Amino acid sequence: EEPFVTNRLKSVRYALRGAWLLLRTESSIQIQAVIAALVTVAGFYYGI
C-alpha cells in the first residue's frame, strides 16, 4: 500500500486536475468564476 502522504498528494493532484478541467470546459463555472472574482475585488474595494 502507498504511504499516506503519497496517497494524499495524488488525491490533491486529481482534485486540482478536476477543478482545472471544470474551469476550462464548463461555461457555467466560468461565469461563476468571473462573478467570484468581481465580488472579491468588491470586497477589497469596500473593505468588508
All heavy atoms as atom14 arrays in JSON, in Angstrom:
{
  "sequence": "EEPFVTNRLKSVRYALRGAWLLLRTESSIQIQAVIAALVTVAGFYYGI",
  "atom14_mask": [
    [1, 1, 1, 1, 1, 1, 1, 1, 1, 0, 0, 0, 0, 0],
    [1, 1, 1, 1, 1, 1, 1, 1, 1, 0, 0, 0, 0, 0],
    [1, 1, 1, 1, 1, 1, 1, 0, 0, 0, 0, 0, 0, 0],
    [1, 1, 1, 1, 1, 1, 1, 1, 1, 1, 1, 0, 0, 0],
    [1, 1, 1, 1, 1, 1, 1, 0, 0, 0, 0, 0, 0, 0],
    [1, 1, 1, 1, 1, 1, 1, 0, 0, 0, 0, 0, 0, 0],
    [1, 1, 1, 1, 1, 1, 1, 1, 0, 0, 0, 0, 0, 0],
    [1, 1, 1, 1, 1, 1, 1, 1, 1, 1, 1, 0, 0, 0],
    [1, 1, 1, 1, 1, 1, 1, 1, 0, 0, 0, 0, 0, 0],
    [1, 1, 1, 1, 1, 1, 1, 1, 1, 0, 0, 0, 0, 0],
    [1, 1, 1, 1, 1, 1, 0, 0, 0, 0, 0, 0, 0, 0],
    [1, 1, 1, 1, 1, 1, 1, 0, 0, 0, 0, 0, 0, 0],
    [1, 1, 1, 1, 1, 1, 1, 1, 1, 1, 1, 0, 0, 0],
    [1, 1, 1, 1, 1, 1, 1, 1, 1, 1, 1, 1, 0, 0],
    [1, 1, 1, 1, 1, 0, 0, 0, 0, 0, 0, 0, 0, 0],
    [1, 1, 1, 1, 1, 1, 1, 1, 0, 0, 0, 0, 0, 0],
    [1, 1, 1, 1, 1, 1, 1, 1, 1, 1, 1, 0, 0, 0],
    [1, 1, 1, 1, 0, 0, 0, 0, 0, 0, 0, 0, 0, 0],
    [1, 1, 1, 1, 1, 0, 0, 0, 0, 0, 0, 0, 0, 0],
    [1, 1, 1, 1, 1, 1, 1, 1, 1, 1, 1, 1, 1, 1],
    [1, 1, 1, 1, 1, 1, 1, 1, 0, 0, 0, 0, 0, 0],
    [1, 1, 1, 1, 1, 1, 1, 1, 0, 0, 0, 0, 0, 0],
    [1, 1, 1, 1, 1, 1, 1, 1, 0, 0, 0, 0, 0, 0],
    [1, 1, 1, 1, 1, 1, 1, 1, 1, 1, 1, 0, 0, 0],
    [1, 1, 1, 1, 1, 1, 1, 0, 0, 0, 0, 0, 0, 0],
    [1, 1, 1, 1, 1, 1, 1, 1, 1, 0, 0, 0, 0, 0],
    [1, 1, 1, 1, 1, 1, 0, 0, 0, 0, 0, 0, 0, 0],
    [1, 1, 1, 1, 1, 1, 0, 0, 0, 0, 0, 0, 0, 0],
    [1, 1, 1, 1, 1, 1, 1, 1, 0, 0, 0, 0, 0, 0],
    [1, 1, 1, 1, 1, 1, 1, 1, 1, 0, 0, 0, 0, 0],
    [1, 1, 1, 1, 1, 1, 1, 1, 0, 0, 0, 0, 0, 0],
    [1, 1, 1, 1, 1, 1, 1, 1, 1, 0, 0, 0, 0, 0],
    [1, 1, 1, 1, 1, 0, 0, 0, 0, 0, 0, 0, 0, 0],
    [1, 1, 1, 1, 1, 1, 1, 0, 0, 0, 0, 0, 0, 0],
    [1, 1, 1, 1, 1, 1, 1, 1, 0, 0, 0, 0, 0, 0],
    [1, 1, 1, 1, 1, 0, 0, 0, 0, 0, 0, 0, 0, 0],
    [1, 1, 1, 1, 1, 0, 0, 0, 0, 0, 0, 0, 0, 0],
    [1, 1, 1, 1, 1, 1, 1, 1, 0, 0, 0, 0, 0, 0],
    [1, 1, 1, 1, 1, 1, 1, 0, 0, 0, 0, 0, 0, 0],
    [1, 1, 1, 1, 1, 1, 1, 0, 0, 0, 0, 0, 0, 0],
    [1, 1, 1, 1, 1, 1, 1, 0, 0, 0, 0, 0, 0, 0],
    [1, 1, 1, 1, 1, 0, 0, 0, 0, 0, 0, 0, 0, 0],
    [1, 1, 1, 1, 0, 0, 0, 0, 0, 0, 0, 0, 0, 0],
    [1, 1, 1, 1, 1, 1, 1, 1, 1, 1, 1, 0, 0, 0],
    [1, 1, 1, 1, 1, 1, 1, 1, 1, 1, 1, 1, 0, 0],
    [1, 1, 1, 1, 1, 1, 1, 1, 1, 1, 1, 1, 0, 0],
    [1, 1, 1, 1, 0, 0, 0, 0, 0, 0, 0, 0, 0, 0],
    [1, 1, 1, 1, 1, 1, 1, 1, 0, 0, 0, 0, 0, 0]
  ],
  "atom14_positions": [
    [[0.84, -1.19, 0.0], [0.0, 0.0, 0.0], [0.88, 1.24, 0.0], [1.94, 1.27, 0.63], [-0.89, -0.03, 1.25], [-1.99, 0.98, 1.19], [-2.97, 0.82, 2.33], [-3.4, -0.32, 2.59], [-3.27, 1.84, 2.97], [0.0, 0.0, 0.0], [0.0, 0.0, 0.0], [0.0, 0.0, 0.0], [0.0, 0.0, 0.0], [0.0, 0.0, 0.0]],
    [[0.42, 2.29, -0.71], [1.19, 3.54, -0.76], [1.19, 4.21, 0.6], [0.22, 4.12, 1.35], [0.55, 4.5, -1.77], [0.73, 4.1, -3.2], [0.14, 5.14, -4.15], [-0.76, 5.89, -3.75], [0.61, 5.18, -5.28], [0.0, 0.0, 0.0], [0.0, 0.0, 0.0], [0.0, 0.0, 0.0], [0.0, 0.0, 0.0], [0.0, 0.0, 0.0]],
    [[2.27, 4.92, 0.91], [2.29, 5.69, 2.15], [1.16, 6.74, 2.15], [0.75, 7.22, 1.09], [3.66, 6.37, 2.13], [4.48, 5.59, 1.17], [3.53, 4.99, 0.18], [0.0, 0.0, 0.0], [0.0, 0.0, 0.0], [0.0, 0.0, 0.0], [0.0, 0.0, 0.0], [0.0, 0.0, 0.0], [0.0, 0.0, 0.0], [0.0, 0.0, 0.0]],
    [[0.69, 7.09, 3.32], [-0.43, 8.01, 3.48], [-0.19, 9.33, 2.75], [-1.06, 9.81, 2.02], [-0.7, 8.28, 4.97], [-1.78, 9.27, 5.22], [-3.11, 8.9, 5.11], [-1.48, 10.59, 5.53], [-4.13, 9.82, 5.33], [-2.49, 11.51, 5.74], [-3.82, 11.13, 5.64], [0.0, 0.0, 0.0], [0.0, 0.0, 0.0], [0.0, 0.0, 0.0]],
    [[0.98, 9.94, 2.94], [1.26, 11.25, 2.34], [1.26, 11.14, 0.82], [0.69, 12.0, 0.13], [2.6, 11.82, 2.87], [2.99, 13.08, 2.13], [2.51, 12.08, 4.37], [0.0, 0.0, 0.0], [0.0, 0.0, 0.0], [0.0, 0.0, 0.0], [0.0, 0.0, 0.0], [0.0, 0.0, 0.0], [0.0, 0.0, 0.0], [0.0, 0.0, 0.0]],
    [[1.85, 10.1, 0.28], [1.88, 9.9, -1.17], [0.46, 9.78, -1.71], [0.1, 10.39, -2.71], [2.68, 8.64, -1.54], [4.0, 8.78, -1.02], [2.73, 8.42, -3.03], [0.0, 0.0, 0.0], [0.0, 0.0, 0.0], [0.0, 0.0, 0.0], [0.0, 0.0, 0.0], [0.0, 0.0, 0.0], [0.0, 0.0, 0.0], [0.0, 0.0, 0.0]],
    [[-0.36, 9.02, -1.02], [-1.75, 8.83, -1.42], [-2.52, 10.15, -1.39], [-3.29, 10.46, -2.29], [-2.41, 7.79, -0.5], [-3.76, 7.38, -1.0], [-4.72, 8.14, -0.83], [-3.84, 6.2, -1.58], [0.0, 0.0, 0.0], [0.0, 0.0, 0.0], [0.0, 0.0, 0.0], [0.0, 0.0, 0.0], [0.0, 0.0, 0.0], [0.0, 0.0, 0.0]],
    [[-2.31, 10.95, -0.34], [-2.99, 12.25, -0.23], [-2.53, 13.2, -1.32], [-3.34, 13.94, -1.89], [-2.71, 12.9, 1.13], [-3.31, 12.2, 2.33], [-4.84, 12.13, 2.34], [-5.26, 10.92, 1.69], [-6.35, 10.73, 0.95], [-7.17, 11.7, 0.75], [-6.64, 9.6, 0.38], [0.0, 0.0, 0.0], [0.0, 0.0, 0.0], [0.0, 0.0, 0.0]],
    [[-1.23, 13.21, -1.62], [-0.73, 14.09, -2.68], [-1.33, 13.72, -4.04], [-1.66, 14.6, -4.83], [0.8, 14.04, -2.73], [1.52, 14.72, -1.56], [3.02, 14.48, -1.64], [1.21, 16.21, -1.52], [0.0, 0.0, 0.0], [0.0, 0.0, 0.0], [0.0, 0.0, 0.0], [0.0, 0.0, 0.0], [0.0, 0.0, 0.0], [0.0, 0.0, 0.0]],
    [[-1.48, 12.43, -4.29], [-2.13, 12.01, -5.53], [-3.58, 12.48, -5.56], [-4.07, 12.94, -6.6], [-2.07, 10.48, -5.67], [-0.75, 9.96, -6.15], [-0.84, 8.46, -6.38], [0.47, 7.92, -6.92], [0.39, 6.47, -7.16], [0.0, 0.0, 0.0], [0.0, 0.0, 0.0], [0.0, 0.0, 0.0], [0.0, 0.0, 0.0], [0.0, 0.0, 0.0]],
    [[-4.27, 12.38, -4.44], [-5.66, 12.82, -4.36], [-5.77, 14.32, -4.65], [-6.67, 14.76, -5.36], [-6.25, 12.52, -2.99], [-6.36, 11.13, -2.79], [0.0, 0.0, 0.0], [0.0, 0.0, 0.0], [0.0, 0.0, 0.0], [0.0, 0.0, 0.0], [0.0, 0.0, 0.0], [0.0, 0.0, 0.0], [0.0, 0.0, 0.0], [0.0, 0.0, 0.0]],
    [[-4.85, 15.09, -4.1], [-4.85, 16.53, -4.35], [-4.59, 16.8, -5.83], [-5.24, 17.65, -6.44], [-3.81, 17.25, -3.45], [-3.62, 18.69, -3.89], [-4.23, 17.18, -1.99], [0.0, 0.0, 0.0], [0.0, 0.0, 0.0], [0.0, 0.0, 0.0], [0.0, 0.0, 0.0], [0.0, 0.0, 0.0], [0.0, 0.0, 0.0], [0.0, 0.0, 0.0]],
    [[-3.66, 16.08, -6.41], [-3.36, 16.25, -7.84], [-4.6, 15.95, -8.69], [-4.93, 16.7, -9.6], [-2.2, 15.36, -8.26], [-1.76, 15.62, -9.7], [-0.6, 14.78, -10.11], [-1.1, 13.41, -10.25], [-0.36, 12.32, -10.14], [0.93, 12.43, -9.88], [-0.87, 11.14, -10.28], [0.0, 0.0, 0.0], [0.0, 0.0, 0.0], [0.0, 0.0, 0.0]],
    [[-5.32, 14.87, -8.38], [-6.53, 14.53, -9.12], [-7.6, 15.61, -8.95], [-8.3, 15.97, -9.89], [-7.09, 13.17, -8.68], [-6.17, 12.0, -8.93], [-6.09, 10.96, -8.01], [-5.37, 11.93, -10.06], [-5.26, 9.88, -8.22], [-4.53, 10.85, -10.29], [-4.47, 9.83, -9.37], [-3.65, 8.76, -9.58], [0.0, 0.0, 0.0], [0.0, 0.0, 0.0]],
    [[-7.74, 16.11, -7.74], [-8.73, 17.15, -7.47], [-8.39, 18.44, -8.22], [-9.28, 19.08, -8.78], [-8.82, 17.41, -5.96], [0.0, 0.0, 0.0], [0.0, 0.0, 0.0], [0.0, 0.0, 0.0], [0.0, 0.0, 0.0], [0.0, 0.0, 0.0], [0.0, 0.0, 0.0], [0.0, 0.0, 0.0], [0.0, 0.0, 0.0], [0.0, 0.0, 0.0]],
    [[-7.12, 18.82, -8.22], [-6.7, 20.02, -8.96], [-6.94, 19.84, -10.46], [-7.39, 20.76, -11.14], [-5.23, 20.34, -8.68], [-4.94, 20.89, -7.29], [-3.43, 20.98, -7.06], [-5.6, 22.24, -7.08], [0.0, 0.0, 0.0], [0.0, 0.0, 0.0], [0.0, 0.0, 0.0], [0.0, 0.0, 0.0], [0.0, 0.0, 0.0], [0.0, 0.0, 0.0]],
    [[-6.66, 18.64, -10.96], [-6.9, 18.36, -12.38], [-8.4, 18.48, -12.68], [-8.8, 19.05, -13.7], [-6.37, 16.98, -12.74], [-6.52, 16.67, -14.23], [-5.83, 15.41, -14.64], [-6.36, 14.28, -13.88], [-5.76, 13.1, -13.8], [-4.61, 12.88, -14.4], [-6.3, 12.12, -13.11], [0.0, 0.0, 0.0], [0.0, 0.0, 0.0], [0.0, 0.0, 0.0]],
    [[-9.24, 17.96, -11.79], [-10.68, 18.05, -11.98], [-11.17, 19.49, -11.94], [-12.02, 19.9, -12.75], [0.0, 0.0, 0.0], [0.0, 0.0, 0.0], [0.0, 0.0, 0.0], [0.0, 0.0, 0.0], [0.0, 0.0, 0.0], [0.0, 0.0, 0.0], [0.0, 0.0, 0.0], [0.0, 0.0, 0.0], [0.0, 0.0, 0.0], [0.0, 0.0, 0.0]],
    [[-10.66, 20.28, -11.0], [-11.06, 21.69, -10.91], [-10.63, 22.44, -12.16], [-11.4, 23.25, -12.71], [-10.45, 22.33, -9.66], [0.0, 0.0, 0.0], [0.0, 0.0, 0.0], [0.0, 0.0, 0.0], [0.0, 0.0, 0.0], [0.0, 0.0, 0.0], [0.0, 0.0, 0.0], [0.0, 0.0, 0.0], [0.0, 0.0, 0.0], [0.0, 0.0, 0.0]],
    [[-9.43, 22.18, -12.64], [-8.94, 22.83, -13.86], [-9.79, 22.43, -15.06], [-10.17, 23.27, -15.88], [-7.47, 22.51, -14.08], [-6.93, 23.08, -15.36], [-6.5, 22.4, -16.45], [-6.79, 24.47, -15.69], [-6.1, 23.27, -17.43], [-6.27, 24.55, -16.99], [-7.06, 25.65, -15.0], [-6.01, 25.76, -17.63], [-6.8, 26.86, -15.64], [-6.29, 26.9, -16.93]],
    [[-10.12, 21.16, -15.17], [-10.96, 20.68, -16.26], [-12.33, 21.35, -16.22], [-12.86, 21.78, -17.25], [-11.1, 19.15, -16.16], [-11.91, 18.45, -17.24], [-11.26, 18.63, -18.61], [-12.04, 16.97, -16.92], [0.0, 0.0, 0.0], [0.0, 0.0, 0.0], [0.0, 0.0, 0.0], [0.0, 0.0, 0.0], [0.0, 0.0, 0.0], [0.0, 0.0, 0.0]],
    [[-12.89, 21.45, -15.04], [-14.18, 22.1, -14.87], [-14.11, 23.56, -15.31], [-14.95, 24.03, -16.09], [-14.6, 22.0, -13.4], [-15.98, 22.49, -13.01], [-17.06, 21.67, -13.69], [-16.14, 22.41, -11.5], [0.0, 0.0, 0.0], [0.0, 0.0, 0.0], [0.0, 0.0, 0.0], [0.0, 0.0, 0.0], [0.0, 0.0, 0.0], [0.0, 0.0, 0.0]],
    [[-13.1, 24.28, -14.84], [-12.95, 25.7, -15.2], [-12.67, 25.9, -16.68], [-13.09, 26.89, -17.28], [-11.84, 26.34, -14.37], [-12.22, 26.67, -12.94], [-10.99, 26.97, -12.1], [-13.19, 27.84, -12.89], [0.0, 0.0, 0.0], [0.0, 0.0, 0.0], [0.0, 0.0, 0.0], [0.0, 0.0, 0.0], [0.0, 0.0, 0.0], [0.0, 0.0, 0.0]],
    [[-11.95, 24.97, -17.26], [-11.56, 25.1, -18.66], [-12.69, 24.75, -19.63], [-12.72, 25.29, -20.74], [-10.35, 24.2, -18.93], [-9.48, 24.66, -20.06], [-8.27, 23.77, -20.27], [-8.69, 22.54, -20.94], [-8.46, 21.31, -20.52], [-7.8, 21.11, -19.4], [-8.86, 20.27, -21.18], [0.0, 0.0, 0.0], [0.0, 0.0, 0.0], [0.0, 0.0, 0.0]],
    [[-13.6, 23.88, -19.22], [-14.55, 23.33, -20.19], [-16.01, 23.7, -19.96], [-16.82, 23.52, -20.86], [-14.46, 21.79, -20.23], [-14.8, 21.27, -18.94], [-13.07, 21.32, -20.63], [0.0, 0.0, 0.0], [0.0, 0.0, 0.0], [0.0, 0.0, 0.0], [0.0, 0.0, 0.0], [0.0, 0.0, 0.0], [0.0, 0.0, 0.0], [0.0, 0.0, 0.0]],
    [[-16.36, 24.2, -18.79], [-17.77, 24.43, -18.48], [-18.08, 25.93, -18.38], [-17.57, 26.62, -17.5], [-18.15, 23.73, -17.17], [-18.01, 22.23, -17.22], [-18.9, 21.58, -18.26], [-20.07, 22.01, -18.43], [-18.43, 20.63, -18.93], [0.0, 0.0, 0.0], [0.0, 0.0, 0.0], [0.0, 0.0, 0.0], [0.0, 0.0, 0.0], [0.0, 0.0, 0.0]],
    [[-18.95, 26.4, -19.27], [-19.25, 27.84, -19.32], [-19.93, 28.33, -18.04], [-19.68, 29.45, -17.61], [-20.11, 28.16, -20.54], [-21.32, 27.45, -20.49], [0.0, 0.0, 0.0], [0.0, 0.0, 0.0], [0.0, 0.0, 0.0], [0.0, 0.0, 0.0], [0.0, 0.0, 0.0], [0.0, 0.0, 0.0], [0.0, 0.0, 0.0], [0.0, 0.0, 0.0]],
    [[-20.76, 27.5, -17.42], [-21.46, 27.96, -16.22], [-20.48, 28.25, -15.08], [-20.61, 29.24, -14.37], [-22.51, 26.94, -15.77], [-21.91, 25.68, -15.57], [0.0, 0.0, 0.0], [0.0, 0.0, 0.0], [0.0, 0.0, 0.0], [0.0, 0.0, 0.0], [0.0, 0.0, 0.0], [0.0, 0.0, 0.0], [0.0, 0.0, 0.0], [0.0, 0.0, 0.0]],
    [[-19.48, 27.41, -14.92], [-18.5, 27.63, -13.86], [-17.58, 28.8, -14.23], [-17.11, 29.53, -13.35], [-17.69, 26.35, -13.53], [-17.02, 26.47, -12.15], [-16.65, 26.06, -14.54], [-17.87, 26.08, -11.02], [0.0, 0.0, 0.0], [0.0, 0.0, 0.0], [0.0, 0.0, 0.0], [0.0, 0.0, 0.0], [0.0, 0.0, 0.0], [0.0, 0.0, 0.0]],
    [[-17.35, 29.02, -15.51], [-16.54, 30.16, -15.95], [-17.25, 31.47, -15.59], [-16.62, 32.4, -15.1], [-16.27, 30.08, -17.45], [-15.35, 28.94, -17.81], [-15.33, 28.64, -19.31], [-16.11, 29.18, -20.09], [-14.42, 27.75, -19.71], [0.0, 0.0, 0.0], [0.0, 0.0, 0.0], [0.0, 0.0, 0.0], [0.0, 0.0, 0.0], [0.0, 0.0, 0.0]],
    [[-18.56, 31.51, -15.81], [-19.34, 32.7, -15.45], [-19.29, 32.9, -13.93], [-19.08, 34.02, -13.45], [-20.79, 32.57, -15.94], [-20.83, 32.62, -17.47], [-21.69, 33.63, -15.32], [-22.13, 32.15, -18.08], [0.0, 0.0, 0.0], [0.0, 0.0, 0.0], [0.0, 0.0, 0.0], [0.0, 0.0, 0.0], [0.0, 0.0, 0.0], [0.0, 0.0, 0.0]],
    [[-19.45, 31.82, -13.19], [-19.41, 31.92, -11.73], [-18.03, 32.34, -11.24], [-17.92, 33.07, -10.25], [-19.85, 30.6, -11.11], [-21.31, 30.33, -11.34], [-21.72, 28.9, -11.12], [-20.9, 28.04, -10.82], [-23.0, 28.63, -11.27], [0.0, 0.0, 0.0], [0.0, 0.0, 0.0], [0.0, 0.0, 0.0], [0.0, 0.0, 0.0], [0.0, 0.0, 0.0]],
    [[-16.98, 31.92, -11.92], [-15.62, 32.33, -11.54], [-15.43, 33.83, -11.77], [-14.8, 34.51, -10.96], [-14.58, 31.52, -12.32], [0.0, 0.0, 0.0], [0.0, 0.0, 0.0], [0.0, 0.0, 0.0], [0.0, 0.0, 0.0], [0.0, 0.0, 0.0], [0.0, 0.0, 0.0], [0.0, 0.0, 0.0], [0.0, 0.0, 0.0], [0.0, 0.0, 0.0]],
    [[-16.0, 34.35, -12.85], [-15.92, 35.79, -13.11], [-16.68, 36.55, -12.02], [-16.18, 37.55, -11.48], [-16.46, 36.13, -14.52], [-16.65, 37.63, -14.7], [-15.53, 35.57, -15.59], [0.0, 0.0, 0.0], [0.0, 0.0, 0.0], [0.0, 0.0, 0.0], [0.0, 0.0, 0.0], [0.0, 0.0, 0.0], [0.0, 0.0, 0.0], [0.0, 0.0, 0.0]],
    [[-17.87, 36.08, -11.69], [-18.65, 36.73, -10.62], [-17.88, 36.66, -9.29], [-17.81, 37.65, -8.56], [-20.04, 36.08, -10.49], [-20.87, 36.37, -11.74], [-20.76, 36.56, -9.23], [-22.14, 35.56, -11.86], [0.0, 0.0, 0.0], [0.0, 0.0, 0.0], [0.0, 0.0, 0.0], [0.0, 0.0, 0.0], [0.0, 0.0, 0.0], [0.0, 0.0, 0.0]],
    [[-17.27, 35.51, -9.01], [-16.48, 35.37, -7.78], [-15.33, 36.36, -7.76], [-15.04, 36.98, -6.73], [-15.96, 33.94, -7.66], [0.0, 0.0, 0.0], [0.0, 0.0, 0.0], [0.0, 0.0, 0.0], [0.0, 0.0, 0.0], [0.0, 0.0, 0.0], [0.0, 0.0, 0.0], [0.0, 0.0, 0.0], [0.0, 0.0, 0.0], [0.0, 0.0, 0.0]],
    [[-14.66, 36.53, -8.9], [-13.56, 37.5, -8.98], [-14.06, 38.92, -8.76], [-13.43, 39.71, -8.03], [-12.85, 37.38, -10.33], [0.0, 0.0, 0.0], [0.0, 0.0, 0.0], [0.0, 0.0, 0.0], [0.0, 0.0, 0.0], [0.0, 0.0, 0.0], [0.0, 0.0, 0.0], [0.0, 0.0, 0.0], [0.0, 0.0, 0.0], [0.0, 0.0, 0.0]],
    [[-15.22, 39.25, -9.35], [-15.77, 40.59, -9.19], [-16.15, 40.9, -7.74], [-15.84, 41.98, -7.24], [-16.99, 40.77, -10.1], [-16.71, 40.82, -11.6], [-18.02, 40.81, -12.39], [-15.87, 42.03, -11.95], [0.0, 0.0, 0.0], [0.0, 0.0, 0.0], [0.0, 0.0, 0.0], [0.0, 0.0, 0.0], [0.0, 0.0, 0.0], [0.0, 0.0, 0.0]],
    [[-16.8, 39.94, -7.07], [-17.17, 40.21, -5.67], [-15.94, 40.2, -4.77], [-15.92, 40.87, -3.73], [-18.28, 39.28, -5.13], [-19.58, 39.5, -5.88], [-17.88, 37.84, -5.12], [0.0, 0.0, 0.0], [0.0, 0.0, 0.0], [0.0, 0.0, 0.0], [0.0, 0.0, 0.0], [0.0, 0.0, 0.0], [0.0, 0.0, 0.0], [0.0, 0.0, 0.0]],
    [[-14.91, 39.49, -5.16], [-13.66, 39.53, -4.39], [-13.02, 40.92, -4.52], [-12.59, 41.5, -3.51], [-12.69, 38.43, -4.88], [-13.31, 37.16, -4.66], [-11.36, 38.48, -4.13], [0.0, 0.0, 0.0], [0.0, 0.0, 0.0], [0.0, 0.0, 0.0], [0.0, 0.0, 0.0], [0.0, 0.0, 0.0], [0.0, 0.0, 0.0], [0.0, 0.0, 0.0]],
    [[-12.98, 41.45, -5.73], [-12.48, 42.82, -5.93], [-13.34, 43.81, -5.14], [-12.82, 44.7, -4.46], [-12.44, 43.17, -7.43], [-12.2, 44.65, -7.65], [-11.38, 42.34, -8.15], [0.0, 0.0, 0.0], [0.0, 0.0, 0.0], [0.0, 0.0, 0.0], [0.0, 0.0, 0.0], [0.0, 0.0, 0.0], [0.0, 0.0, 0.0], [0.0, 0.0, 0.0]],
    [[-14.67, 43.61, -5.19], [-15.57, 44.48, -4.44], [-15.3, 44.4, -2.94], [-15.35, 45.41, -2.23], [-17.03, 44.11, -4.73], [0.0, 0.0, 0.0], [0.0, 0.0, 0.0], [0.0, 0.0, 0.0], [0.0, 0.0, 0.0], [0.0, 0.0, 0.0], [0.0, 0.0, 0.0], [0.0, 0.0, 0.0], [0.0, 0.0, 0.0], [0.0, 0.0, 0.0]],
    [[-14.98, 43.2, -2.47], [-14.66, 43.03, -1.05], [-13.46, 43.86, -0.63], [-13.46, 44.48, 0.44], [0.0, 0.0, 0.0], [0.0, 0.0, 0.0], [0.0, 0.0, 0.0], [0.0, 0.0, 0.0], [0.0, 0.0, 0.0], [0.0, 0.0, 0.0], [0.0, 0.0, 0.0], [0.0, 0.0, 0.0], [0.0, 0.0, 0.0], [0.0, 0.0, 0.0]],
    [[-12.43, 43.87, -1.48], [-11.26, 44.69, -1.17], [-11.59, 46.18, -1.28], [-11.18, 46.99, -0.45], [-10.09, 44.34, -2.09], [-9.43, 43.03, -1.74], [-9.5, 41.95, -2.61], [-8.74, 42.87, -0.55], [-8.9, 40.74, -2.29], [-8.14, 41.67, -0.22], [-8.22, 40.61, -1.1], [0.0, 0.0, 0.0], [0.0, 0.0, 0.0], [0.0, 0.0, 0.0]],
    [[-12.35, 46.55, -2.31], [-12.7, 47.94, -2.53], [-13.51, 48.51, -1.36], [-13.24, 49.61, -0.89], [-13.49, 48.09, -3.84], [-13.9, 49.5, -4.13], [-12.99, 50.41, -4.68], [-15.19, 49.95, -3.85], [-13.36, 51.71, -4.94], [-15.57, 51.25, -4.1], [-14.65, 52.13, -4.65], [-15.01, 53.43, -4.9], [0.0, 0.0, 0.0], [0.0, 0.0, 0.0]],
    [[-14.49, 47.75, -0.9], [-15.36, 48.23, 0.18], [-14.85, 47.88, 1.57], [-15.44, 48.27, 2.57], [-16.78, 47.68, 0.0], [-17.51, 48.34, -1.14], [-17.74, 47.66, -2.32], [-17.95, 49.65, -1.04], [-18.4, 48.26, -3.38], [-18.61, 50.28, -2.1], [-18.82, 49.57, -3.26], [-19.48, 50.19, -4.3], [0.0, 0.0, 0.0], [0.0, 0.0, 0.0]],
    [[-13.74, 47.16, 1.64], [-13.15, 46.84, 2.94], [-14.09, 46.04, 3.83], [-14.29, 46.4, 4.99], [0.0, 0.0, 0.0], [0.0, 0.0, 0.0], [0.0, 0.0, 0.0], [0.0, 0.0, 0.0], [0.0, 0.0, 0.0], [0.0, 0.0, 0.0], [0.0, 0.0, 0.0], [0.0, 0.0, 0.0], [0.0, 0.0, 0.0], [0.0, 0.0, 0.0]],
    [[-14.64, 44.96, 3.29], [-15.59, 44.17, 4.09], [-14.88, 43.53, 5.28], [-13.67, 43.31, 5.27], [-16.33, 43.13, 3.22], [-15.4, 42.08, 2.63], [-17.13, 43.82, 2.11], [-16.1, 40.97, 1.85], [0.0, 0.0, 0.0], [0.0, 0.0, 0.0], [0.0, 0.0, 0.0], [0.0, 0.0, 0.0], [0.0, 0.0, 0.0], [0.0, 0.0, 0.0]]
  ]
}
